[in-house]
Protein backbone atom coordinates (compact mmCIF):
# COMPACT_ATOMS: atom_id res chain seq x y z
CA UNK A 1 124.14 102.80 61.71
CA UNK A 2 125.54 105.61 63.83
CA UNK A 3 125.79 105.25 67.62
CA UNK A 4 126.02 107.75 70.46
CA UNK A 5 126.09 107.15 74.20
CA UNK A 6 124.17 108.86 76.99
CA UNK A 7 127.47 110.24 78.31
CA UNK A 8 128.47 111.66 74.94
CA UNK A 9 125.13 113.39 74.54
CA UNK A 10 125.28 114.80 78.08
CA UNK A 11 128.76 116.17 77.40
CA UNK A 12 127.41 117.97 74.34
CA UNK A 13 124.56 119.37 76.48
CA UNK A 14 127.04 120.64 79.09
CA UNK A 15 129.19 122.34 76.46
CA UNK A 16 126.24 123.84 74.61
CA UNK A 17 126.83 121.79 71.48
CA UNK A 18 123.81 119.49 71.59
CA UNK A 19 121.25 119.60 68.82
CA UNK A 20 117.80 119.34 70.39
CA UNK A 21 114.49 119.31 68.52
CA UNK A 22 110.89 118.49 69.37
CA UNK A 23 109.27 115.31 68.08
CA UNK A 24 107.27 117.34 65.56
CA UNK A 25 110.42 119.05 64.31
CA UNK A 26 112.11 115.63 63.98
CA UNK A 27 109.43 114.56 61.51
CA UNK A 28 110.47 117.32 59.10
CA UNK A 29 114.18 116.69 59.60
CA UNK A 30 113.86 112.98 58.81
CA UNK A 31 111.70 113.73 55.78
CA UNK A 32 114.19 116.28 54.46
CA UNK A 33 117.50 114.60 55.29
CA UNK A 34 116.69 110.93 55.84
CA UNK A 35 117.01 108.78 58.94
CA UNK A 36 120.77 108.26 58.70
CA UNK A 37 121.64 111.95 58.54
CA UNK A 38 119.05 112.86 61.15
CA UNK A 39 120.58 110.34 63.55
CA UNK A 40 123.98 111.94 63.06
CA UNK A 41 122.81 115.52 63.46
CA UNK A 42 120.18 115.33 66.22
CA UNK A 43 121.14 114.47 69.79
CA UNK A 44 117.85 114.73 71.69
CA UNK A 45 114.17 114.73 70.73
CA UNK A 46 111.71 116.16 73.23
CA UNK A 47 108.15 114.96 73.69
CA UNK A 48 105.17 116.27 75.63
CA UNK A 49 101.68 115.46 76.80
CA UNK A 50 99.06 117.25 78.90
CA UNK A 51 95.97 115.27 79.69
CA UNK A 52 93.79 113.85 82.46
CA UNK A 53 95.71 111.35 84.56
CA UNK A 54 93.39 110.12 87.29
CA UNK A 55 95.86 107.68 88.84
CA UNK A 56 97.82 110.42 90.59
CA UNK A 57 98.35 111.77 94.08
CA UNK A 58 100.74 113.26 96.63
CA UNK A 59 102.53 111.98 99.72
CA UNK A 60 102.82 114.63 102.45
CA UNK A 61 104.69 114.75 105.73
CA UNK A 62 103.04 117.37 107.93
CA UNK A 63 105.62 117.51 110.72
CA UNK A 64 104.92 116.84 114.41
CA UNK A 65 102.75 119.02 116.61
CA UNK A 66 103.33 119.61 120.33
CA UNK A 67 102.00 117.48 121.91
CA UNK A 68 102.25 115.04 118.98
CA UNK A 69 99.46 113.14 117.29
CA UNK A 70 99.41 109.81 115.50
CA UNK A 71 96.99 110.74 112.69
CA UNK A 72 94.57 107.93 111.93
CA UNK A 73 92.09 109.99 109.90
CA UNK A 74 93.05 113.03 107.85
CA UNK A 75 91.11 115.62 105.83
CA UNK A 76 92.60 118.34 103.64
CA UNK A 77 90.05 121.05 102.81
CA UNK A 78 87.48 118.42 103.77
CA UNK A 79 88.88 115.87 101.30
CA UNK A 80 89.84 112.55 102.95
CA UNK A 81 93.50 111.54 102.70
CA UNK A 82 94.88 108.09 103.49
CA UNK A 83 96.72 108.11 106.81
CA UNK A 84 97.55 104.43 107.29
CA UNK A 85 101.27 105.05 106.83
CA UNK A 86 102.98 106.68 109.81
CA UNK A 87 102.18 109.27 112.46
CA UNK A 88 102.13 112.39 110.29
CA UNK A 89 102.33 111.05 106.74
CA UNK A 90 99.36 110.89 104.39
CA UNK A 91 98.57 110.27 100.72
CA UNK A 92 95.90 112.28 98.98
CA UNK A 93 94.55 110.89 95.71
CA UNK A 94 93.56 113.15 92.85
CA UNK A 95 90.07 111.67 92.45
CA UNK A 96 89.02 111.73 96.13
CA UNK A 97 85.86 113.81 96.66
CA UNK A 98 85.21 116.48 99.25
CA UNK A 99 82.85 115.28 101.98
CA UNK A 100 80.96 118.59 101.91
CA UNK A 101 81.24 119.73 98.29
CA UNK A 102 81.21 116.40 96.44
CA UNK A 103 82.27 116.57 92.80
CA UNK A 104 82.75 120.31 92.97
CA UNK A 105 86.11 119.92 94.76
CA UNK A 106 88.47 117.04 95.42
CA UNK A 107 91.99 115.76 95.82
CA UNK A 108 93.22 117.25 92.56
CA UNK A 109 92.04 120.68 93.71
CA UNK A 110 93.87 120.27 97.03
CA UNK A 111 97.05 119.38 95.14
CA UNK A 112 96.67 122.35 92.80
CA UNK A 113 96.06 124.65 95.79
CA UNK A 114 99.20 123.36 97.51
CA UNK A 115 101.29 123.86 94.37
CA UNK A 116 99.90 127.40 94.09
CA UNK A 117 101.13 128.15 97.63
CA UNK A 118 97.65 128.48 99.12
CA UNK A 119 96.75 127.58 102.69
CA UNK A 120 94.93 124.26 103.03
CA UNK A 121 92.98 123.30 106.14
CA UNK A 122 94.28 120.16 107.85
CA UNK A 123 91.99 118.27 110.22
CA UNK A 124 93.14 115.02 111.81
CA UNK A 125 91.86 112.58 114.39
CA UNK A 126 93.56 109.92 116.48
CA UNK A 127 92.75 107.25 119.04
CA UNK A 128 95.63 108.55 121.21
CA UNK A 129 98.65 106.64 122.47
CA UNK A 130 101.22 107.10 125.21
CA UNK A 131 103.75 108.46 122.73
CA UNK A 132 101.15 110.35 120.69
CA UNK A 133 98.65 111.69 123.26
CA UNK A 134 96.86 114.30 121.11
CA UNK A 135 93.55 113.03 119.74
CA UNK A 136 92.63 115.80 117.31
CA UNK A 137 94.14 118.72 115.49
CA UNK A 138 92.90 121.50 113.22
CA UNK A 139 95.31 123.87 111.50
CA UNK A 140 96.40 125.23 108.13
CA UNK A 141 99.27 124.01 106.02
CA UNK A 142 100.93 125.14 102.81
CA UNK A 143 103.87 123.97 100.76
CA UNK A 144 106.23 126.20 102.74
CA UNK A 145 105.54 124.81 106.22
CA UNK A 146 105.14 121.09 105.51
CA UNK A 147 108.10 118.77 105.08
CA UNK A 148 108.28 116.44 102.08
CA UNK A 149 105.46 116.75 99.56
CA UNK A 150 106.03 114.66 96.48
CA UNK A 151 103.73 113.57 93.74
CA UNK A 152 103.74 109.82 93.24
CA UNK A 153 101.51 108.76 90.39
CA UNK A 154 100.84 105.05 89.89
CA UNK A 155 99.78 105.38 86.25
CA UNK A 156 100.55 108.24 83.86
CA UNK A 157 101.46 108.91 80.23
CA UNK A 158 99.54 106.04 78.63
CA UNK A 159 101.14 104.67 75.50
CA UNK A 160 98.16 105.22 73.24
CA UNK A 161 94.56 105.02 74.46
CA UNK A 162 91.24 104.14 72.92
CA UNK A 163 88.83 106.70 71.51
CA UNK A 164 85.27 106.64 72.83
CA UNK A 165 81.76 106.90 71.45
CA UNK A 166 78.26 105.94 72.61
CA UNK A 167 75.72 104.05 70.48
CA UNK A 168 72.95 104.09 73.10
CA UNK A 169 69.91 106.35 73.17
CA UNK A 170 71.08 108.28 76.24
CA UNK A 171 73.92 110.72 76.93
CA UNK A 172 76.73 109.10 78.92
CA UNK A 173 79.02 110.86 81.40
CA UNK A 174 82.38 109.08 81.54
CA UNK A 175 86.09 109.51 82.20
CA UNK A 176 86.29 110.06 78.44
CA UNK A 177 84.02 113.06 78.82
CA UNK A 178 80.40 113.50 77.79
CA UNK A 179 79.43 111.04 75.06
CA UNK A 180 76.36 111.99 73.06
CA UNK A 181 73.73 109.39 72.10
CA UNK A 182 73.63 107.55 68.77
CA UNK A 183 77.37 108.05 68.25
CA UNK A 184 76.94 111.79 68.30
CA UNK A 185 80.62 112.40 69.05
CA UNK A 186 83.99 110.72 69.55
CA UNK A 187 86.53 111.71 72.21
CA UNK A 188 90.20 110.77 72.50
CA UNK A 189 93.04 111.52 74.90
CA UNK A 190 96.52 111.13 73.47
CA UNK A 191 99.03 113.67 72.17
CA UNK A 192 99.76 111.54 69.11
CA UNK A 193 103.12 112.21 67.48
CA UNK A 194 104.24 114.23 70.52
CA UNK A 195 103.33 111.58 73.09
CA UNK A 196 106.39 110.22 74.96
CA UNK A 197 105.92 106.45 74.74
CA UNK A 198 104.70 106.61 71.14
CA UNK A 199 108.14 108.00 70.24
CA UNK A 200 109.92 105.21 72.11
CA UNK A 201 107.54 102.30 71.50
CA UNK A 202 109.85 99.57 72.80
CA UNK A 203 111.15 101.57 75.80
CA UNK A 204 114.75 101.68 74.61
CA UNK A 205 115.51 104.99 76.31
CA UNK A 206 112.59 105.49 78.71
CA UNK A 207 112.89 103.29 81.78
CA UNK A 208 113.16 103.30 85.53
CA UNK A 209 115.26 106.29 86.57
CA UNK A 210 114.64 108.36 83.44
CA UNK A 211 114.69 112.08 84.25
CA UNK A 212 111.55 113.80 82.98
CA UNK A 213 109.75 117.14 82.93
CA UNK A 214 106.82 116.79 85.30
CA UNK A 215 104.40 119.51 86.31
CA UNK A 216 106.92 122.27 85.65
CA UNK A 217 109.97 120.72 87.28
CA UNK A 218 112.25 117.71 86.99
CA UNK A 219 110.88 114.35 88.03
CA UNK A 220 111.64 110.70 87.38
CA UNK A 221 110.16 107.47 86.13
CA UNK A 222 109.86 105.45 89.33
CA UNK A 223 108.53 102.16 87.97
CA UNK A 224 106.32 100.71 85.30
CA UNK A 225 102.84 102.12 85.69
CA UNK A 226 99.86 100.11 86.83
CA UNK A 227 98.08 98.30 84.01
CA UNK A 228 101.33 98.36 82.01
CA UNK A 229 100.35 96.20 79.05
CA UNK A 230 103.20 96.12 76.50
CA UNK A 231 102.03 92.97 74.71
CA UNK A 232 99.26 94.73 72.82
CA UNK A 233 99.15 94.31 69.05
CA UNK A 234 101.45 96.72 67.26
CA UNK A 235 101.63 98.20 63.80
CA UNK A 236 104.54 97.66 61.43
CA UNK A 237 106.19 100.75 62.94
CA UNK A 238 106.12 99.17 66.41
CA UNK A 239 103.46 101.53 67.76
CA UNK A 240 100.77 99.78 69.84
CA UNK A 241 97.26 99.82 68.40
CA UNK A 242 95.62 100.02 71.84
CA UNK A 243 96.35 101.00 75.46
CA UNK A 244 99.80 99.59 76.17
CA UNK A 245 102.69 100.84 78.34
CA UNK A 246 102.29 103.15 81.33
CA UNK A 247 104.66 104.97 83.68
CA UNK A 248 104.74 105.48 87.43
CA UNK A 249 106.12 108.98 88.03
CA UNK A 250 107.54 110.91 90.97
CA UNK A 251 108.36 114.58 91.48
CA UNK A 252 108.54 117.35 94.09
CA UNK A 253 105.34 119.42 94.16
CA UNK A 254 107.15 122.26 95.91
CA UNK A 255 108.96 122.91 92.62
CA UNK A 256 105.92 122.46 90.37
CA UNK A 257 103.63 125.17 89.06
CA UNK A 258 99.98 125.31 88.13
CA UNK A 259 100.70 125.96 84.46
CA UNK A 260 101.26 122.22 84.18
CA UNK A 261 99.10 120.78 86.98
CA UNK A 262 95.39 121.53 86.83
CA UNK A 263 92.40 120.02 88.60
CA UNK A 264 89.34 119.25 86.49
CA UNK A 265 85.78 118.03 86.95
CA UNK A 266 84.21 115.68 84.42
CA UNK A 267 80.46 116.29 84.47
CA UNK A 268 78.57 113.67 86.48
CA UNK A 269 81.67 111.46 86.55
CA UNK A 270 84.15 112.91 88.99
CA UNK A 271 87.46 114.64 89.46
CA UNK A 272 90.71 114.21 87.62
CA UNK A 273 93.99 116.06 87.27
CA UNK A 274 95.66 117.27 84.10
CA UNK A 275 99.41 116.68 84.30
CA UNK A 276 102.11 117.99 82.01
CA UNK A 277 104.78 115.41 81.22
CA UNK A 278 107.72 115.78 78.86
CA UNK A 279 110.38 113.15 78.25
CA UNK A 280 113.64 113.62 76.33
CA UNK A 281 114.66 110.84 73.98
CA UNK A 282 118.38 110.61 73.24
CA UNK A 283 119.09 109.72 69.63
CA UNK A 284 121.50 106.85 70.18
CA UNK A 285 121.13 105.35 66.70
CA UNK A 286 119.14 105.33 63.48
CA UNK A 287 116.40 103.09 64.84
CA UNK A 288 115.56 105.59 67.59
CA UNK A 289 115.76 108.45 65.09
CA UNK A 290 113.23 106.69 62.87
CA UNK A 291 110.89 105.96 65.79
CA UNK A 292 110.89 109.62 66.91
CA UNK A 293 109.70 110.68 63.45
CA UNK A 294 106.40 108.84 63.84
CA UNK A 295 103.45 110.74 62.37
CA UNK A 296 99.84 111.07 63.46
CA UNK A 297 98.74 109.43 60.22
CA UNK A 298 100.65 106.29 61.23
CA UNK A 299 99.36 106.09 64.82
CA UNK A 300 96.06 104.24 65.16
CA UNK A 301 93.62 103.57 67.96
CA UNK A 302 90.26 101.85 68.34
CA UNK A 303 86.98 103.74 68.56
CA UNK A 304 85.16 101.81 71.30
CA UNK A 305 81.48 101.79 72.19
CA UNK A 306 81.24 102.93 75.81
CA UNK A 307 77.55 102.07 76.01
CA UNK A 308 78.62 98.46 76.51
CA UNK A 309 79.48 98.19 80.20
CA UNK A 310 79.98 94.43 80.52
CA UNK A 311 82.68 92.43 78.77
CA UNK A 312 84.90 93.86 76.07
CA UNK A 313 83.69 97.06 74.46
CA UNK A 314 83.13 96.54 70.72
CA UNK A 315 85.25 98.56 68.32
CA UNK A 316 83.54 100.50 65.53
CA UNK A 317 86.77 101.11 63.63
CA UNK A 318 90.44 101.91 63.83
CA UNK A 319 91.19 105.59 63.37
CA UNK A 320 94.48 107.42 62.94
CA UNK A 321 95.30 110.45 65.06
CA UNK A 322 95.46 112.47 61.86
CA UNK A 323 91.77 111.63 61.37
CA UNK A 324 90.84 112.22 65.00
CA UNK A 325 92.67 115.55 65.18
CA UNK A 326 91.02 116.78 61.97
CA UNK A 327 87.82 117.39 63.95
CA UNK A 328 85.70 114.60 62.46
CA UNK A 329 85.82 111.01 61.28
CA UNK A 330 83.71 108.89 58.97
CA UNK A 331 81.97 106.06 60.79
CA UNK A 332 78.94 103.95 59.87
CA UNK A 333 78.36 106.15 56.85
CA UNK A 334 78.21 109.33 58.95
CA UNK A 335 80.56 112.21 59.67
CA UNK A 336 81.06 112.34 63.43
CA UNK A 337 82.62 115.20 65.38
CA UNK A 338 85.78 114.38 67.33
CA UNK A 339 87.16 116.20 70.37
CA UNK A 340 90.37 115.83 72.41
CA UNK A 341 90.56 115.55 76.18
CA UNK A 342 94.30 116.21 76.09
CA UNK A 343 95.75 119.54 74.96
CA UNK A 344 98.02 119.61 71.92
CA UNK A 345 98.80 123.26 72.61
CA UNK A 346 100.13 122.39 76.05
CA UNK A 347 101.93 119.30 74.75
CA UNK A 348 103.79 121.48 72.23
CA UNK A 349 104.56 124.01 74.95
CA UNK A 350 106.00 121.30 77.19
CA UNK A 351 108.12 119.81 74.41
CA UNK A 352 109.52 123.27 73.66
CA UNK A 353 110.12 124.17 77.32
CA UNK A 354 112.01 120.91 77.78
CA UNK A 355 113.99 121.62 74.61
CA UNK A 356 115.02 125.04 75.93
CA UNK A 357 116.04 123.61 79.32
CA UNK A 358 118.31 121.07 77.61
CA UNK A 359 119.81 123.69 75.29
CA UNK A 360 120.60 125.86 78.33
CA UNK A 361 122.36 122.94 80.00
CA UNK A 362 119.80 122.87 82.82
CA UNK A 363 118.42 119.44 82.05
CA UNK A 364 120.61 116.38 81.44
CA UNK A 365 119.33 113.09 80.11
CA UNK A 366 119.63 110.03 82.35
CA UNK A 367 120.24 106.45 81.39
CA UNK A 368 117.61 104.15 82.91
CA UNK A 369 118.64 102.00 85.85
CA UNK A 370 116.70 99.21 84.19
CA UNK A 371 114.30 98.88 81.30
CA UNK A 372 110.54 98.75 81.44
CA UNK A 373 109.24 95.21 80.88
CA UNK A 374 108.23 94.25 77.36
CA UNK A 375 106.23 91.28 78.62
CA UNK A 376 103.35 91.64 81.02
CA UNK A 377 99.71 90.62 81.16
CA UNK A 378 96.87 92.57 82.73
CA UNK A 379 94.46 90.55 84.85
CA UNK A 380 90.77 91.19 85.30
CA UNK A 381 89.21 91.18 88.75
CA UNK A 382 87.20 88.00 89.11
CA UNK A 383 84.15 87.84 91.38
CA UNK A 384 84.84 84.80 93.57
CA UNK A 385 82.76 83.24 96.33
CA UNK A 386 85.54 81.30 98.01
CA UNK A 387 89.10 81.97 99.13
CA UNK A 388 92.22 79.95 98.57
CA UNK A 389 94.72 79.87 95.76
CA UNK A 390 93.83 79.50 92.14
């Protein structure tokens, strides 16, 4: 088994000698030359995903007015932001709805507008204090006149996710899109063989501190994501068969661009934000080389019935991403149309953009400060009628 270090690979990047390929290109290289030779030749494999990531938002520091205000309530383009932090800091969540426009406009749209350099109306209220006497303010901000504005997303880049269908008699409007009655369609939302955590299933190279491509600029893995669930059942190739690991990500929105951050409205459900994420995987040894050659035909997920709203959703079948991406699957003796929520076109674009940045020496790989946990359980919220410890 051949071994390389992070430092050795970075030195090759700096000197222009690194061999960098996308995860899809790695599949062909491993098939043609074998895992051992691929591990010797390839230094970095790039991944990419572009899909709806609701658990996202931005911290903003607005700067102090004269006289100053201690903002207790904040609205950005009439979308409420959380101000229970400090005097002029706030967090706006992607899924928050406009108080005047409802599902037509929300936090994700505010974030996209800020990234685009547009003016955004800031309205804030306060109870007034001796040191912060102003009680209200109305002005316009943009990314050029605010201070820090960084995206901090509690849960992104799911390591696999279920596919969805609907066996009921009525159309359902969900975060998995519109689901037609009587299992009229199946939706899914994973980039398959290009997806970051599916190419590093045991988090050997992706961890806290990993430098990533995020929304058009460099960002970092800040922590494990919420609902990180690495103890899901896995296939023989190590790939989870259900929703498993997640990442908490951070990046500067002032450096992002709207090619890779887009607000979206899911009909009768709400607002989300499509986020472009690309993660480089250094090929340290043959095991990592083999994992980065994973194919859609070997990545499986469950097709769940979203008409069941209480308890565990029943699974109709396991389906590979090769099946799902073909446009239809066979289920219950019928051919059912499938449709992606994530964009493979954008995922490929991101993987290639990241590849070019590394080849130009503009993007170095970073060794994680610590690994993501491989053991963790996800609790359900119990409805309890009394307090105290349990």
